Amino acid sequence: MANEKETIPGTLITLVIGITVTAVSIWYGQNNNLLPEQVSQQAPLVDDLFNIMVVIGTALFLVVEGAIVFTLIKFRHRPGDETDSQPVTGNFSLEIFWTAIPAFIVIGLGIYSVQVYNQMGGFDTGGNMAHHGHAPVQVASLPGSNGPLLAQGGDITYGLGANAEMGVRPADLTVDVAGMQYAWIFTYPDSGIISGELHVPIGQDVKLNLEAKDVLHAFWLPQFRIKQDVIPGQQTQLRFVATKTGTYPIVCAELCGSYHGGMRSQIIVHSPEDYQAWLEANTVAQAPGSEQTLATLTDSDRLAAFTHEFGMDHVGPTIAAHTHL
């Protein structure tokens, strides 16, 4: 009696492959280490969404590339085989399957990303962000509405303002940010400090009022996972809470001219004590002879100090000539 060749059922092979692909994808999605460290309360929201997309992308990669490798081996041309392959007429069920699965994935990711954007203050901001308009109204929300609200005085601001919980209370610290070719200037309205760096205390709610002086820029804090366009003639804003002390880069993420790559600064997150010390040391009103110094210090002088600090002496005169603070 001839020995019959034992074969493994196709369903079992498919099950094993499915479990393996799922396990590898989930592990890599949670351990990819592709993003920089998290230093804000908003960062975990973005990272969770990113990790889910990595899980899905890894699974798709393994399935598609695995099928290609299997096909190359299984159906390779063998010496002496000059026969034609089996005719293929199509498989309607398979076409429905591979159309429906990507559709569900895209819709699911879209819904999840909208929820993340809303949690970060993109929609329901408690009166801190709304769509464009100039109606002379005060902060108010429509009854039963969770949508964008009109800002005070009729000025309406785009950006990641705050979630509903944060939006009902004022920020602990407000900083005005001016973007210009090719520098960031930070003004602290409560103290009068003007700086080429952004200094914030850890654990406090910080709101940035952003405005461009010339062309479109983008204010990006990679470690904080937040980015916002800075638009000429239109104020935008960001609101965040830092969770780790340290010095982190500020990058312009919008091509804004010849020296776009050099438009960088840094955000320094202090402990409460260190921030208070920095604030006291830099408060203009407390500096000896501050009135005389402030009167004689021109915009060119201030900009020259900032551009020299970041190795951009060659663009300082150009900024001063074309920008009016």
Protein backbone atom coordinates (compact mmCIF):
# COMPACT_ATOMS: atom_id res chain seq x y z
CA MET A 1 0.00 0.00 0.00
CA ALA A 2 1.47 3.30 -1.07
CA ASN A 3 2.16 5.82 1.63
CA GLU A 4 -0.28 8.71 1.47
CA LYS A 5 1.26 12.13 1.88
CA GLU A 6 -0.12 13.87 4.94
CA THR A 7 -1.07 17.51 4.45
CA ILE A 8 -1.86 20.22 6.96
CA PRO A 9 -5.37 21.66 6.55
CA GLY A 10 -5.41 25.06 4.89
CA THR A 11 -7.66 26.50 7.59
CA LEU A 12 -5.11 25.60 10.28
CA ILE A 13 -2.30 27.21 8.30
CA THR A 14 -4.40 30.34 7.84
CA LEU A 15 -5.19 30.44 11.56
CA VAL A 16 -1.53 30.12 12.55
CA ILE A 17 -0.50 32.81 10.07
CA GLY A 18 -3.26 35.12 11.32
CA ILE A 19 -2.26 34.69 14.97
CA THR A 20 1.43 35.22 14.16
CA VAL A 21 0.81 38.34 12.08
CA THR A 22 -1.49 39.78 14.76
CA ALA A 23 0.98 39.12 17.58
CA VAL A 24 3.95 40.58 15.69
CA SER A 25 1.96 43.63 14.58
CA ILE A 26 0.67 44.43 18.07
CA TRP A 27 4.11 43.98 19.61
CA TYR A 28 5.80 46.24 17.06
CA GLY A 29 3.00 48.81 17.25
CA GLN A 30 3.58 49.17 20.99
CA ASN A 31 7.39 49.01 20.81
CA ASN A 32 8.29 50.85 17.61
CA ASN A 33 10.14 53.74 19.33
CA LEU A 34 9.70 55.86 16.22
CA LEU A 35 8.59 59.02 18.04
CA PRO A 36 10.58 61.27 20.39
CA GLU A 37 9.84 61.34 24.10
CA GLN A 38 6.49 62.56 25.41
CA VAL A 39 6.63 65.82 27.35
CA SER A 40 3.03 67.08 27.34
CA GLN A 41 -0.41 65.91 28.40
CA GLN A 42 -1.47 65.96 24.74
CA ALA A 43 1.35 63.68 23.53
CA PRO A 44 -0.13 60.31 24.67
CA LEU A 45 -3.31 61.00 22.68
CA VAL A 46 -1.33 61.41 19.46
CA ASP A 47 0.98 58.50 20.22
CA ASP A 48 -1.89 56.10 20.87
CA LEU A 49 -3.36 56.94 17.46
CA PHE A 50 0.05 56.61 15.83
CA ASN A 51 0.69 53.23 17.45
CA ILE A 52 -2.64 51.88 16.21
CA MET A 53 -1.77 52.99 12.68
CA VAL A 54 1.62 51.25 13.03
CA VAL A 55 -0.12 48.03 14.13
CA ILE A 56 -2.43 48.14 11.10
CA GLY A 57 0.41 49.11 8.73
CA THR A 58 2.64 46.32 10.03
CA ALA A 59 -0.10 43.74 9.58
CA LEU A 60 -0.79 44.90 6.03
CA PHE A 61 2.93 44.87 5.23
CA LEU A 62 3.40 41.32 6.53
CA VAL A 63 0.33 40.00 4.71
CA VAL A 64 1.06 41.68 1.37
CA GLU A 65 4.80 41.07 1.33
CA GLY A 66 4.31 37.56 2.66
CA ALA A 67 1.87 36.80 -0.16
CA ILE A 68 4.34 38.16 -2.71
CA VAL A 69 7.22 36.03 -1.35
CA PHE A 70 4.99 32.95 -1.20
CA THR A 71 3.85 33.51 -4.79
CA LEU A 72 7.42 33.96 -6.03
CA ILE A 73 8.42 30.64 -4.48
CA LYS A 74 5.29 28.60 -5.07
CA PHE A 75 4.70 29.60 -8.67
CA ARG A 76 8.28 30.09 -9.84
CA HIS A 77 9.23 28.79 -13.28
CA ARG A 78 10.70 25.33 -13.08
CA PRO A 79 13.14 23.92 -15.66
CA GLY A 80 11.38 22.03 -18.44
CA ASP A 81 7.91 23.31 -17.53
CA GLU A 82 6.48 24.99 -20.62
CA THR A 83 2.80 24.59 -19.75
CA ASP A 84 0.38 27.45 -19.29
CA SER A 85 -0.96 28.44 -15.90
CA GLN A 86 -4.51 27.75 -14.82
CA PRO A 87 -6.99 30.33 -16.17
CA VAL A 88 -8.25 32.88 -13.64
CA THR A 89 -11.74 34.33 -14.15
CA GLY A 90 -12.01 36.44 -11.00
CA ASN A 91 -13.44 36.07 -7.52
CA PHE A 92 -16.28 38.45 -6.65
CA SER A 93 -16.30 37.51 -2.95
CA LEU A 94 -12.58 38.19 -2.65
CA GLU A 95 -12.99 41.58 -4.33
CA ILE A 96 -15.75 42.53 -1.87
CA PHE A 97 -13.55 41.39 1.03
CA TRP A 98 -10.44 43.36 0.08
CA THR A 99 -12.56 46.45 -0.61
CA ALA A 100 -14.59 46.29 2.61
CA ILE A 101 -11.68 45.73 5.00
CA PRO A 102 -9.70 48.86 3.95
CA ALA A 103 -12.93 50.87 3.98
CA PHE A 104 -13.66 49.89 7.59
CA ILE A 105 -10.06 50.61 8.59
CA VAL A 106 -10.05 54.08 7.02
CA ILE A 107 -13.45 55.00 8.49
CA GLY A 108 -12.42 53.74 11.92
CA LEU A 109 -9.14 55.67 11.90
CA GLY A 110 -10.98 58.76 10.70
CA ILE A 111 -13.46 58.62 13.58
CA TYR A 112 -10.69 57.98 16.10
CA SER A 113 -8.53 60.83 14.80
CA VAL A 114 -11.47 63.25 15.06
CA GLN A 115 -11.95 62.19 18.69
CA VAL A 116 -8.27 62.80 19.41
CA TYR A 117 -8.44 66.22 17.73
CA ASN A 118 -11.48 67.09 19.82
CA GLN A 119 -9.79 65.94 23.05
CA MET A 120 -6.84 68.18 22.23
CA GLY A 121 -9.17 71.17 21.87
CA GLY A 122 -9.82 71.23 18.16
CA PHE A 123 -13.61 71.46 18.41
CA ASP A 124 -15.23 71.64 21.83
CA THR A 125 -12.99 74.27 23.39
CA GLY A 126 -15.26 75.96 25.90
CA GLY A 127 -14.97 79.32 24.18
CA ASN A 128 -11.29 79.33 23.27
CA MET A 129 -11.46 78.44 19.58
CA ALA A 130 -13.93 78.93 16.79
CA HIS A 131 -14.28 79.29 13.04
CA HIS A 132 -13.56 82.45 11.13
CA GLY A 133 -15.85 85.45 11.47
CA HIS A 134 -16.16 89.01 12.75
CA ALA A 135 -19.57 89.24 14.38
CA PRO A 136 -19.55 91.54 17.46
CA VAL A 137 -20.57 88.91 20.00
CA GLN A 138 -19.33 87.67 23.35
CA VAL A 139 -18.31 84.16 24.32
CA ALA A 140 -21.38 81.96 24.12
CA SER A 141 -22.41 78.49 23.13
CA LEU A 142 -25.60 77.39 21.47
CA PRO A 143 -27.93 75.39 23.74
CA GLY A 144 -27.29 71.70 23.32
CA SER A 145 -24.35 72.34 21.00
CA ASN A 146 -20.86 70.91 21.44
CA GLY A 147 -19.44 72.70 18.44
CA PRO A 148 -17.02 75.62 18.13
CA LEU A 149 -17.81 78.75 20.11
CA LEU A 150 -17.38 82.43 19.26
CA ALA A 151 -14.51 84.16 20.98
CA GLN A 152 -14.62 87.39 22.96
CA GLY A 153 -15.04 90.66 21.13
CA GLY A 154 -15.98 88.93 17.88
CA ASP A 155 -12.38 87.90 17.12
CA ILE A 156 -12.29 84.25 16.21
CA THR A 157 -9.24 82.06 16.54
CA TYR A 158 -8.14 78.84 14.89
CA GLY A 159 -6.05 76.25 16.66
CA LEU A 160 -5.85 73.65 19.39
CA GLY A 161 -7.41 75.74 22.13
CA ALA A 162 -8.29 73.36 24.95
CA ASN A 163 -10.69 70.57 25.72
CA ALA A 164 -14.05 71.35 27.30
CA GLU A 165 -12.69 70.97 30.82
CA MET A 166 -9.72 73.28 30.27
CA GLY A 167 -11.61 75.73 28.08
CA VAL A 168 -13.90 76.99 30.84
CA ARG A 169 -10.99 78.39 32.84
CA PRO A 170 -8.28 80.88 31.86
CA ALA A 171 -4.79 79.63 31.12
CA ASP A 172 -2.13 79.82 33.83
CA LEU A 173 0.30 81.46 31.39
CA THR A 174 -0.31 83.32 28.14
CA VAL A 175 2.50 84.05 25.67
CA ASP A 176 2.24 85.99 22.42
CA VAL A 177 4.32 84.40 19.65
CA ALA A 178 5.38 86.32 16.54
CA GLY A 179 6.71 84.34 13.59
CA MET A 180 8.84 86.15 11.02
CA GLN A 181 11.50 85.37 8.47
CA TYR A 182 13.41 83.74 10.12
CA ALA A 183 12.88 83.85 13.88
CA TRP A 184 10.36 83.34 16.66
CA ILE A 185 9.79 86.19 19.12
CA PHE A 186 8.03 85.43 22.42
CA THR A 187 6.32 88.20 24.41
CA TYR A 188 4.97 87.72 27.94
CA PRO A 189 2.13 90.27 28.31
CA ASP A 190 1.93 90.02 32.11
CA SER A 191 5.60 90.82 32.67
CA GLY A 192 6.67 92.63 29.51
CA ILE A 193 9.46 90.13 28.83
CA ILE A 194 10.51 89.68 25.20
CA SER A 195 12.61 86.62 24.43
CA GLY A 196 13.96 84.54 21.59
CA GLU A 197 13.20 81.39 23.59
CA LEU A 198 9.97 80.08 25.07
CA HIS A 199 10.14 79.51 28.82
CA VAL A 200 7.24 77.74 30.55
CA PRO A 201 6.69 76.11 33.95
CA ILE A 202 6.00 72.40 34.24
CA GLY A 203 2.45 71.31 35.04
CA GLN A 204 0.79 74.62 34.18
CA ASP A 205 -1.75 75.35 31.48
CA VAL A 206 0.02 77.40 28.78
CA LYS A 207 -1.71 79.24 25.94
CA LEU A 208 0.22 80.56 22.95
CA ASN A 209 -1.27 83.31 20.79
CA LEU A 210 0.40 82.91 17.40
CA GLU A 211 0.63 85.43 14.57
CA ALA A 212 2.85 85.75 11.50
CA LYS A 213 4.42 89.11 10.62
CA ASP A 214 5.11 88.30 6.97
CA VAL A 215 4.40 84.89 5.39
CA LEU A 216 2.83 81.62 6.47
CA HIS A 217 4.78 79.70 9.13
CA ALA A 218 4.04 76.60 11.22
CA PHE A 219 4.86 76.38 14.92
CA TRP A 220 5.87 72.79 15.70
CA LEU A 221 6.83 71.22 19.03
CA PRO A 222 7.75 67.61 18.13
CA GLN A 223 8.11 66.33 21.70
CA PHE A 224 4.76 67.93 22.62
CA ARG A 225 3.03 66.43 19.52
CA ILE A 226 1.42 69.75 18.63
CA LYS A 227 1.72 71.90 15.53
CA GLN A 228 -0.21 74.92 14.34
CA ASP A 229 -0.10 77.14 11.26
CA VAL A 230 0.91 80.75 11.98
CA ILE A 231 -1.08 82.89 9.58
CA PRO A 232 -0.49 86.53 8.53
CA GLY A 233 -3.38 88.70 9.69
CA GLN A 234 -5.12 85.85 11.52
CA GLN A 235 -4.35 84.85 15.09
CA THR A 236 -4.10 81.16 15.88
CA GLN A 237 -3.40 79.48 19.19
CA LEU A 238 -2.03 76.44 20.96
CA ARG A 239 -2.75 75.32 24.49
CA PHE A 240 -0.79 72.62 26.31
CA VAL A 241 0.54 71.39 29.63
CA ALA A 242 4.20 70.36 29.87
CA THR A 243 4.92 67.23 31.91
CA LYS A 244 8.72 67.03 31.89
CA THR A 245 11.44 69.60 32.47
CA GLY A 246 14.13 70.08 29.86
CA THR A 247 15.01 71.91 26.65
CA TYR A 248 13.23 70.94 23.44
CA PRO A 249 13.32 72.25 19.85
CA ILE A 250 10.83 74.63 18.24
CA VAL A 251 10.71 74.15 14.47
CA CYS A 252 9.05 76.02 11.63
CA ALA A 253 7.31 73.25 9.66
CA GLU A 254 6.15 75.41 6.74
CA LEU A 255 8.48 76.39 3.89
CA CYS A 256 8.73 80.14 4.45
CA GLY A 257 11.75 81.27 2.44
CA SER A 258 15.44 80.81 1.76
CA TYR A 259 16.47 80.38 5.41
CA HIS A 260 13.45 78.28 6.44
CA GLY A 261 15.74 75.53 7.73
CA GLY A 262 17.33 77.96 10.18
CA MET A 263 14.04 79.16 11.66
CA ARG A 264 14.42 77.34 14.95
CA SER A 265 14.24 78.15 18.60
CA GLN A 266 13.76 76.16 21.78
CA ILE A 267 11.24 75.72 24.54
CA ILE A 268 12.63 75.41 28.04
CA VAL A 269 10.38 73.72 30.60
CA HIS A 270 11.30 74.80 34.13
CA SER A 271 10.37 73.60 37.56
CA PRO A 272 8.08 76.16 39.28
CA GLU A 273 11.00 77.51 41.30
CA ASP A 274 13.35 77.81 38.31
CA TYR A 275 10.65 79.47 36.21
CA GLN A 276 10.00 82.04 38.92
CA ALA A 277 13.72 82.74 39.13
CA TRP A 278 13.91 83.18 35.33
CA LEU A 279 10.86 85.44 35.42
CA GLU A 280 12.31 87.67 38.12
CA ALA A 281 15.70 87.87 36.39
CA ASN A 282 14.14 88.88 33.08
CA THR A 283 11.32 91.16 34.13
CA VAL A 284 11.98 94.48 32.44
CA ALA A 285 10.24 96.49 35.12
CA GLN A 286 12.64 95.20 37.81
CA ALA A 287 15.83 95.77 35.85
CA PRO A 288 17.96 98.79 36.97
CA GLY A 289 17.56 101.67 34.54
CA SER A 290 14.98 99.70 32.60
CA GLU A 291 13.08 102.78 31.37
CA GLN A 292 16.20 104.27 29.82
CA THR A 293 17.32 100.94 28.41
CA LEU A 294 13.92 100.26 26.93
CA ALA A 295 13.76 103.70 25.38
CA THR A 296 17.13 103.39 23.66
CA LEU A 297 16.85 99.74 22.60
CA THR A 298 15.60 99.58 19.02
CA ASP A 299 13.86 96.70 17.25
CA SER A 300 17.08 96.13 15.31
CA ASP A 301 19.01 95.77 18.56
CA ARG A 302 16.56 93.23 19.95
CA LEU A 303 16.49 91.22 16.74
CA ALA A 304 20.27 91.32 16.44
CA ALA A 305 20.57 89.71 19.87
CA PHE A 306 18.08 86.97 18.96
CA THR A 307 19.59 86.20 15.56
CA HIS A 308 23.12 86.15 16.98
CA GLU A 309 22.02 83.65 19.63
CA PHE A 310 20.87 81.22 16.94
CA GLY A 311 23.74 81.82 14.53
CA MET A 312 21.72 83.90 12.08
CA ASP A 313 23.61 87.22 12.08
CA HIS A 314 23.36 87.38 8.29
CA VAL A 315 19.56 87.61 8.35
CA GLY A 316 19.16 90.07 11.26
CA PRO A 317 19.36 93.24 9.13
CA THR A 318 16.91 91.78 6.61
CA ILE A 319 14.38 90.99 9.35
CA ALA A 320 14.67 94.45 10.85
CA ALA A 321 14.27 96.14 7.49
CA HIS A 322 11.11 94.26 6.49
CA THR A 323 9.39 93.70 9.84
CA HIS A 324 7.61 96.14 12.14
CA LEU A 325 6.82 94.76 15.60
